[in-house]
């Protein structure tokens, strides 16, 4: 990255910024100009002809609308390249990914994982902080330090912050309920803005992953898709007609107690064989540990199964079958045929993929479209990248 890119403090935030929140800005852009920028950001390098068709604009209108973006340094123009569709050289327009930067932070009950990303939510720098306690004041201090660390290591200003966590969120600013932290009615967005002076957006962690996939993943091609995560809990999110499904109940983890196995173990709420009991890392480890009379971690569980341990293999096999059934239910009930699978428990799919796919197929109508499974990276910073993505959607081209 060039020194000029890393010292730029321009922000593309222009509208819908919460009262009192400010950031350095480029000159105000019109909504049609922003729509062109959004299309280039989401779909990648595009010729003017492609953009005209995608946005239903005349060539003259596209040229007029793209000029302010080029002048402001938001969009760059390539050298002449051969366009196979028209058989002649064209110049492609693309977003300058380093035109502005964002911070995304995922909060768990134990730590805060942060990333600095460019405009396409690609991670440039990452950092992690342990939470000394779960008290609001202590967590706030950790977040302020983490943002400052990312800003210092990147050597430049940032244009917005996205925070994600498991829980119910109100108005993109306040946390109504966060079970992993024991919080209720915490105005985290306002508190963090007061300490940093930066635009802040707070979002449910799974909803943030859906938003990231909508703009920067499978959503570029698929108008409808579901996101399923497995790890400490079970998450479920949805995008329909290129819109992320949001609502107060999204943070309740409504997919966490979906019945999957009438003979399965009990979850903490007393549900037998629900998705939490069958698919979460704590439950899988507890089942194997209880049977073997010693503590067994998630990684060791797979090692034991591979070595022929019948207990570990049986528990993981049952979990894989349950995962396949859960994916089938997600596809069947919402009529989507793309499911994004992620979370720190993703090793279950990679080790038992055939079992998962067989169970998925068994619960589908034989004439139904095949369900495409897109697997996210198991790296934990995917969650933080999702948090950055919602900030980009809100403040970059709002």
Protein backbone atom coordinates (compact mmCIF):
# COMPACT_ATOMS: atom_id res chain seq x y z
CA UNK A 1 0.00 0.00 0.00
CA UNK A 2 1.31 3.44 -0.86
CA UNK A 3 2.15 6.02 1.84
CA UNK A 4 -0.48 8.27 0.31
CA UNK A 5 -3.13 5.57 0.77
CA UNK A 6 -2.20 4.88 4.36
CA UNK A 7 -2.33 8.55 5.39
CA UNK A 8 -5.60 9.39 3.71
CA UNK A 9 -8.28 10.41 6.20
CA UNK A 10 -11.05 11.02 3.69
CA UNK A 11 -14.37 9.43 4.53
CA UNK A 12 -17.14 8.78 2.10
CA UNK A 13 -19.78 9.15 4.82
CA UNK A 14 -22.25 11.75 3.62
CA UNK A 15 -25.73 11.08 4.95
CA UNK A 16 -27.70 9.45 7.76
CA UNK A 17 -24.89 9.97 10.25
CA UNK A 18 -26.20 9.83 13.85
CA UNK A 19 -26.51 13.17 15.56
CA UNK A 20 -23.27 14.31 17.06
CA UNK A 21 -21.15 11.85 15.12
CA UNK A 22 -18.62 13.27 12.71
CA UNK A 23 -15.78 12.18 10.45
CA UNK A 24 -13.57 13.82 7.86
CA UNK A 25 -15.46 13.83 4.59
CA UNK A 26 -15.02 14.30 0.91
CA UNK A 27 -17.40 16.71 -0.84
CA UNK A 28 -21.07 15.75 -0.61
CA UNK A 29 -22.18 13.30 -3.28
CA UNK A 30 -25.66 12.95 -4.70
CA UNK A 31 -27.66 9.77 -4.28
CA UNK A 32 -27.28 8.79 -7.98
CA UNK A 33 -23.50 9.25 -7.67
CA UNK A 34 -23.47 7.12 -4.53
CA UNK A 35 -25.50 4.45 -6.31
CA UNK A 36 -22.82 4.22 -8.98
CA UNK A 37 -20.14 3.93 -6.29
CA UNK A 38 -22.10 1.19 -4.50
CA UNK A 39 -22.47 -0.80 -7.73
CA UNK A 40 -18.73 -0.64 -8.43
CA UNK A 41 -17.89 -1.54 -4.83
CA UNK A 42 -20.13 -4.59 -4.79
CA UNK A 43 -19.58 -5.94 -8.31
CA UNK A 44 -15.93 -5.06 -8.79
CA UNK A 45 -14.16 -3.53 -11.81
CA UNK A 46 -16.80 -2.64 -14.39
CA UNK A 47 -16.90 -0.97 -17.76
CA UNK A 48 -19.15 2.00 -18.28
CA UNK A 49 -21.32 -0.15 -20.52
CA UNK A 50 -21.77 -2.77 -17.79
CA UNK A 51 -22.63 -0.11 -15.24
CA UNK A 52 -25.09 1.55 -17.59
CA UNK A 53 -26.93 -1.75 -18.03
CA UNK A 54 -26.79 -2.65 -14.34
CA UNK A 55 -28.14 0.75 -13.22
CA UNK A 56 -30.38 1.38 -16.22
CA UNK A 57 -28.56 4.59 -17.11
CA UNK A 58 -27.65 6.16 -20.42
CA UNK A 59 -23.98 6.35 -21.34
CA UNK A 60 -24.08 10.12 -20.95
CA UNK A 61 -25.65 9.89 -17.49
CA UNK A 62 -23.11 7.31 -16.36
CA UNK A 63 -20.24 9.50 -17.53
CA UNK A 64 -21.70 12.51 -15.72
CA UNK A 65 -22.26 10.59 -12.47
CA UNK A 66 -18.88 8.89 -12.44
CA UNK A 67 -16.87 12.11 -12.93
CA UNK A 68 -17.25 13.36 -9.30
CA UNK A 69 -16.21 9.90 -8.07
CA UNK A 70 -13.06 10.01 -10.19
CA UNK A 71 -12.31 13.60 -9.18
CA UNK A 72 -12.71 12.76 -5.47
CA UNK A 73 -10.41 9.75 -5.72
CA UNK A 74 -13.10 7.27 -4.70
CA UNK A 75 -13.03 5.55 -8.10
CA UNK A 76 -10.05 4.89 -10.34
CA UNK A 77 -9.90 4.13 -14.05
CA UNK A 78 -7.79 1.34 -15.50
CA UNK A 79 -5.66 1.31 -18.59
CA UNK A 80 -7.34 0.02 -21.71
CA UNK A 81 -8.24 -3.67 -21.46
CA UNK A 82 -9.89 -5.99 -23.97
CA UNK A 83 -13.58 -6.51 -23.28
CA UNK A 84 -14.64 -9.84 -24.72
CA UNK A 85 -18.34 -8.91 -24.74
CA UNK A 86 -17.89 -6.05 -27.19
CA UNK A 87 -14.60 -7.04 -28.80
CA UNK A 88 -12.84 -3.72 -28.25
CA UNK A 89 -10.68 -2.18 -25.52
CA UNK A 90 -12.43 -0.37 -22.67
CA UNK A 91 -11.40 1.31 -19.42
CA UNK A 92 -12.71 -0.32 -16.23
CA UNK A 93 -13.86 1.69 -13.26
CA UNK A 94 -13.06 0.36 -9.80
CA UNK A 95 -13.29 1.55 -6.21
CA UNK A 96 -10.05 2.70 -4.63
CA UNK A 97 -10.22 0.27 -1.75
CA UNK A 98 -7.77 2.34 0.26
CA UNK A 99 -9.80 5.54 -0.15
CA UNK A 100 -11.01 5.11 3.42
CA UNK A 101 -10.75 2.55 6.23
CA UNK A 102 -13.02 1.08 8.89
CA UNK A 103 -12.64 -0.82 12.14
CA UNK A 104 -14.71 -3.88 12.96
CA UNK A 105 -14.77 -5.45 16.42
CA UNK A 106 -16.39 -8.68 17.56
CA UNK A 107 -17.04 -8.94 21.32
CA UNK A 108 -17.42 -12.27 23.12
CA UNK A 109 -17.68 -13.00 26.81
CA UNK A 110 -13.89 -13.24 27.03
CA UNK A 111 -12.29 -11.00 24.41
CA UNK A 112 -12.59 -8.34 21.74
CA UNK A 113 -11.21 -9.17 18.28
CA UNK A 114 -10.62 -6.18 16.02
CA UNK A 115 -9.65 -5.63 12.39
CA UNK A 116 -8.90 -2.60 10.25
CA UNK A 117 -10.38 -3.08 6.79
CA UNK A 118 -10.46 -1.30 3.48
CA UNK A 119 -13.63 -0.39 1.60
CA UNK A 120 -14.22 -3.99 0.55
CA UNK A 121 -13.96 -5.23 4.14
CA UNK A 122 -10.60 -6.87 3.50
CA UNK A 123 -8.59 -7.13 6.68
CA UNK A 124 -5.38 -5.06 6.72
CA UNK A 125 -4.45 -5.16 10.41
CA UNK A 126 -5.85 -7.20 13.31
CA UNK A 127 -5.51 -7.14 17.09
CA UNK A 128 -7.09 -8.88 20.07
CA UNK A 129 -7.69 -7.82 23.65
CA UNK A 130 -8.83 -9.97 26.59
CA UNK A 131 -11.67 -8.56 28.66
CA UNK A 132 -10.57 -8.11 32.29
CA UNK A 133 -14.23 -8.28 33.38
CA UNK A 134 -17.62 -8.06 31.72
CA UNK A 135 -18.46 -4.74 33.35
CA UNK A 136 -19.51 -2.11 30.80
CA UNK A 137 -16.82 0.35 31.88
CA UNK A 138 -14.06 -2.24 31.56
CA UNK A 139 -15.22 -3.45 28.15
CA UNK A 140 -15.50 0.14 26.95
CA UNK A 141 -11.88 0.79 27.95
CA UNK A 142 -10.77 -2.29 26.02
CA UNK A 143 -12.65 -1.14 22.91
CA UNK A 144 -11.15 2.35 23.05
CA UNK A 145 -7.64 0.91 23.43
CA UNK A 146 -8.22 -1.56 20.61
CA UNK A 147 -9.43 1.13 18.21
CA UNK A 148 -6.47 3.31 19.14
CA UNK A 149 -4.07 0.42 18.58
CA UNK A 150 -5.48 -0.36 15.14
CA UNK A 151 -5.38 3.31 14.17
CA UNK A 152 -1.78 3.67 15.33
CA UNK A 153 -0.59 0.48 13.65
CA UNK A 154 -2.25 1.50 10.40
CA UNK A 155 -0.76 4.98 10.64
CA UNK A 156 -3.95 6.78 9.66
CA UNK A 157 -7.42 7.89 10.60
CA UNK A 158 -10.47 5.67 10.27
CA UNK A 159 -13.96 6.61 9.09
CA UNK A 160 -16.23 4.43 11.17
CA UNK A 161 -16.46 1.58 13.65
CA UNK A 162 -18.68 -1.49 13.56
CA UNK A 163 -19.27 -3.54 16.71
CA UNK A 164 -20.84 -7.00 16.63
CA UNK A 165 -21.84 -9.36 19.41
CA UNK A 166 -24.38 -12.04 20.18
CA UNK A 167 -27.53 -10.34 21.36
CA UNK A 168 -30.44 -8.03 20.63
CA UNK A 169 -29.60 -4.62 19.22
CA UNK A 170 -31.78 -1.52 19.11
CA UNK A 171 -31.42 1.20 16.43
CA UNK A 172 -27.86 0.16 15.61
CA UNK A 173 -26.59 1.78 18.80
CA UNK A 174 -27.94 0.18 22.00
CA UNK A 175 -27.66 -3.37 23.28
CA UNK A 176 -30.98 -4.57 24.66
CA UNK A 177 -29.66 -7.96 25.72
CA UNK A 178 -26.26 -9.67 25.46
CA UNK A 179 -26.31 -13.04 27.27
CA UNK A 180 -22.58 -13.78 26.91
CA UNK A 181 -21.81 -10.48 28.64
CA UNK A 182 -24.74 -10.40 31.04
CA UNK A 183 -25.78 -6.98 29.68
CA UNK A 184 -29.18 -5.36 29.30
CA UNK A 185 -29.98 -1.88 27.97
CA UNK A 186 -26.42 -0.68 27.39
CA UNK A 187 -26.02 2.34 25.01
CA UNK A 188 -22.68 1.04 23.74
CA UNK A 189 -22.71 2.95 20.45
CA UNK A 190 -23.19 6.32 22.13
CA UNK A 191 -20.64 5.53 24.85
CA UNK A 192 -18.02 4.51 22.31
CA UNK A 193 -18.68 7.53 20.11
CA UNK A 194 -18.25 9.84 23.09
CA UNK A 195 -14.85 8.32 23.78
CA UNK A 196 -13.56 8.18 20.19
CA UNK A 197 -15.49 10.83 18.24
CA UNK A 198 -16.03 8.27 15.49
CA UNK A 199 -19.26 7.11 13.82
CA UNK A 200 -20.24 3.81 15.49
CA UNK A 201 -22.72 1.12 14.51
CA UNK A 202 -23.63 -1.85 16.73
CA UNK A 203 -25.09 -5.01 15.17
CA UNK A 204 -25.92 -8.60 16.04
CA UNK A 205 -22.94 -10.74 15.06
CA UNK A 206 -24.76 -13.15 12.74
CA UNK A 207 -26.68 -10.31 11.07
CA UNK A 208 -23.33 -8.61 10.47
CA UNK A 209 -22.01 -11.75 8.75
CA UNK A 210 -25.09 -11.77 6.51
CA UNK A 211 -24.42 -8.13 5.62
CA UNK A 212 -20.80 -8.89 4.78
CA UNK A 213 -21.85 -11.74 2.50
CA UNK A 214 -24.55 -9.57 0.91
CA UNK A 215 -22.04 -7.02 -0.38
CA UNK A 216 -18.75 -8.87 -0.48
CA UNK A 217 -19.58 -12.59 -0.71
CA UNK A 218 -22.27 -14.85 -2.16
CA UNK A 219 -24.79 -11.99 -2.17
CA UNK A 220 -23.11 -10.47 -5.21
CA UNK A 221 -24.60 -13.31 -7.24
CA UNK A 222 -27.35 -14.76 -5.03
CA UNK A 223 -30.33 -12.55 -4.18
CA UNK A 224 -31.48 -15.00 -1.50
CA UNK A 225 -29.27 -16.92 0.93
CA UNK A 226 -29.03 -18.06 4.55
CA UNK A 227 -26.09 -17.91 6.95
CA UNK A 228 -25.62 -20.64 9.58
CA UNK A 229 -22.88 -20.48 12.22
CA UNK A 230 -21.84 -23.12 14.72
CA UNK A 231 -19.49 -22.64 17.65
CA UNK A 232 -20.25 -21.42 21.15
CA UNK A 233 -23.84 -21.17 19.96
CA UNK A 234 -25.86 -21.68 16.79
CA UNK A 235 -26.56 -18.63 14.64
CA UNK A 236 -28.97 -18.17 11.76
CA UNK A 237 -29.43 -15.19 9.45
CA UNK A 238 -31.13 -14.51 6.15
CA UNK A 239 -31.00 -12.24 3.10
CA UNK A 240 -34.05 -12.11 0.82
CA UNK A 241 -34.27 -10.11 -2.40
CA UNK A 242 -30.83 -8.63 -1.66
CA UNK A 243 -32.00 -7.30 1.71
CA UNK A 244 -30.69 -8.47 5.09
CA UNK A 245 -33.60 -9.63 7.24
CA UNK A 246 -33.41 -7.60 10.43
CA UNK A 247 -35.63 -7.32 13.48
CA UNK A 248 -35.60 -7.16 17.24
CA UNK A 249 -35.84 -10.94 17.56
CA UNK A 250 -32.78 -11.51 15.36
CA UNK A 251 -30.62 -11.34 18.47
CA UNK A 252 -32.54 -14.02 20.33
CA UNK A 253 -30.80 -16.85 18.49
CA UNK A 254 -34.08 -18.29 17.27
CA UNK A 255 -32.23 -21.00 15.37
CA UNK A 256 -30.54 -22.18 18.54
CA UNK A 257 -33.28 -24.50 19.76
CA UNK A 258 -34.58 -25.98 16.52
CA UNK A 259 -35.45 -29.68 17.14
CA UNK A 260 -33.10 -32.02 15.28
CA UNK A 261 -32.87 -35.36 17.13
CA UNK A 262 -35.62 -36.70 19.46
CA UNK A 263 -33.04 -39.00 21.05
CA UNK A 264 -30.31 -36.39 21.44
CA UNK A 265 -28.89 -34.81 24.60
CA UNK A 266 -30.56 -32.02 26.56
CA UNK A 267 -29.56 -28.39 26.23
CA UNK A 268 -29.41 -26.07 29.25
CA UNK A 269 -33.01 -25.03 28.58
CA UNK A 270 -34.18 -28.65 28.74
CA UNK A 271 -34.78 -29.14 24.99
CA UNK A 272 -33.86 -32.61 23.85
CA UNK A 273 -31.82 -32.85 20.68
CA UNK A 274 -32.17 -29.19 19.70
CA UNK A 275 -29.56 -27.43 17.58
CA UNK A 276 -27.75 -26.08 20.64
CA UNK A 277 -27.55 -29.55 22.19
CA UNK A 278 -26.40 -31.18 18.95
CA UNK A 279 -24.14 -28.62 17.27
CA UNK A 280 -22.38 -26.36 19.75
CA UNK A 281 -18.76 -26.91 20.78
CA UNK A 282 -19.53 -26.95 24.54
CA UNK A 283 -22.23 -29.61 24.12
CA UNK A 284 -20.15 -31.83 21.84
CA UNK A 285 -17.18 -31.64 24.20
CA UNK A 286 -19.35 -32.25 27.26
CA UNK A 287 -20.88 -35.41 25.76
CA UNK A 288 -17.48 -36.91 24.95
CA UNK A 289 -15.92 -35.76 28.22
CA UNK A 290 -18.73 -37.31 30.27
CA UNK A 291 -18.42 -40.64 28.47
CA UNK A 292 -14.61 -40.75 28.74
CA UNK A 293 -14.52 -39.41 32.34
CA UNK A 294 -12.02 -36.66 31.46
CA UNK A 295 -11.96 -33.26 29.80
CA UNK A 296 -11.85 -33.41 26.00
CA UNK A 297 -11.43 -30.32 23.84
CA UNK A 298 -12.93 -29.78 20.39
CA UNK A 299 -9.71 -30.43 18.48
CA UNK A 300 -8.98 -33.56 20.49
CA UNK A 301 -12.49 -34.84 19.79
CA UNK A 302 -11.73 -35.02 16.07
CA UNK A 303 -8.32 -36.57 16.72
CA UNK A 304 -9.94 -39.26 18.86
CA UNK A 305 -12.57 -39.97 16.21
CA UNK A 306 -9.91 -40.24 13.50
CA UNK A 307 -7.97 -42.67 15.70
CA UNK A 308 -11.00 -44.92 16.02
CA UNK A 309 -12.48 -43.84 19.36
CA UNK A 310 -16.10 -44.98 19.11
CA UNK A 311 -17.48 -42.46 21.60
CA UNK A 312 -15.96 -39.44 19.85
CA UNK A 313 -16.92 -40.73 16.42
CA UNK A 314 -20.50 -41.43 17.50
CA UNK A 315 -21.01 -37.96 19.00
CA UNK A 316 -19.47 -36.19 16.01
CA UNK A 317 -21.36 -38.36 13.53
CA UNK A 318 -24.64 -37.48 15.26
CA UNK A 319 -23.68 -33.80 15.20
CA UNK A 320 -22.91 -33.98 11.47
CA UNK A 321 -26.27 -35.60 10.77
CA UNK A 322 -27.97 -32.89 12.81
CA UNK A 323 -26.08 -30.18 10.91
CA UNK A 324 -27.28 -31.59 7.60
CA UNK A 325 -30.86 -31.59 8.86
CA UNK A 326 -30.49 -28.01 10.10
CA UNK A 327 -29.16 -26.84 6.72
CA UNK A 328 -32.04 -28.62 4.98
CA UNK A 329 -34.56 -26.91 7.26
CA UNK A 330 -32.97 -23.53 6.60
CA UNK A 331 -33.22 -24.09 2.85
CA UNK A 332 -36.68 -25.70 2.89
CA UNK A 333 -38.47 -23.18 5.10
CA UNK A 334 -37.07 -20.09 3.40
CA UNK A 335 -36.83 -21.51 -0.14
CA UNK A 336 -33.20 -20.47 -0.60
CA UNK A 337 -30.66 -22.71 -2.32
CA UNK A 338 -27.48 -21.04 -1.05
CA UNK A 339 -26.35 -21.48 2.55
CA UNK A 340 -23.22 -19.87 3.97
CA UNK A 341 -21.70 -21.95 6.77
CA UNK A 342 -19.29 -20.43 9.27
CA UNK A 343 -18.25 -20.16 12.89
CA UNK A 344 -15.43 -21.54 15.00
CA UNK A 345 -17.05 -25.00 14.95
CA UNK A 346 -16.76 -25.31 11.16
CA UNK A 347 -14.33 -28.23 11.50
CA UNK A 348 -17.40 -30.44 11.96
CA UNK A 349 -18.31 -29.83 8.32
CA UNK A 350 -14.79 -30.21 6.96
CA UNK A 351 -14.26 -33.54 8.76
CA UNK A 352 -17.75 -34.99 8.16
CA UNK A 353 -18.75 -33.25 4.94
CA UNK A 354 -20.23 -36.31 3.25
CA UNK A 355 -22.38 -37.08 6.29
CA UNK A 356 -23.66 -33.50 6.37
CA UNK A 357 -24.44 -33.47 2.66
CA UNK A 358 -26.20 -36.83 2.80
CA UNK A 359 -28.41 -35.71 5.68
CA UNK A 360 -29.17 -32.46 3.85
CA UNK A 361 -30.19 -34.33 0.70
CA UNK A 362 -32.33 -36.79 2.67
CA UNK A 363 -34.47 -33.96 4.04
CA UNK A 364 -34.96 -32.29 0.65
CA UNK A 365 -37.52 -33.04 -2.04
CA UNK A 366 -35.65 -35.08 -4.67
CA UNK A 367 -36.68 -32.59 -7.36
CA UNK A 368 -35.67 -29.51 -5.38
CA UNK A 369 -32.72 -27.44 -6.51
CA UNK A 370 -29.37 -28.49 -5.11
CA UNK A 371 -28.31 -26.46 -2.08
CA UNK A 372 -24.97 -24.79 -2.55
CA UNK A 373 -22.91 -24.62 0.66
CA UNK A 374 -20.39 -21.78 0.82
CA UNK A 375 -17.93 -22.25 3.68
CA UNK A 376 -16.40 -19.25 5.44
CA UNK A 377 -12.84 -19.21 6.67
CA UNK A 378 -12.53 -20.67 10.18
CA UNK A 379 -10.43 -17.66 11.21
CA UNK A 380 -12.12 -15.85 14.08
CA UNK A 381 -11.54 -12.43 12.51
CA UNK A 382 -14.34 -13.22 10.04
CA UNK A 383 -16.69 -12.01 12.77
CA UNK A 384 -14.83 -8.71 13.12
CA UNK A 385 -14.80 -8.33 9.34
CA UNK A 386 -18.60 -8.66 9.44
CA UNK A 387 -18.74 -5.84 11.97
CA UNK A 388 -16.65 -3.65 9.66
CA UNK A 389 -18.95 -4.50 6.75
CA UNK A 390 -22.04 -3.09 8.44
CA UNK A 391 -20.14 0.10 9.23
CA UNK A 392 -19.09 0.32 5.57
CA UNK A 393 -22.69 -0.14 4.44
CA UNK A 394 -23.89 2.54 6.84
CA UNK A 395 -21.21 5.18 6.58
CA UNK A 396 -19.37 4.69 3.29
CA UNK A 397 -22.31 4.95 0.92
CA UNK A 398 -25.23 5.88 3.15
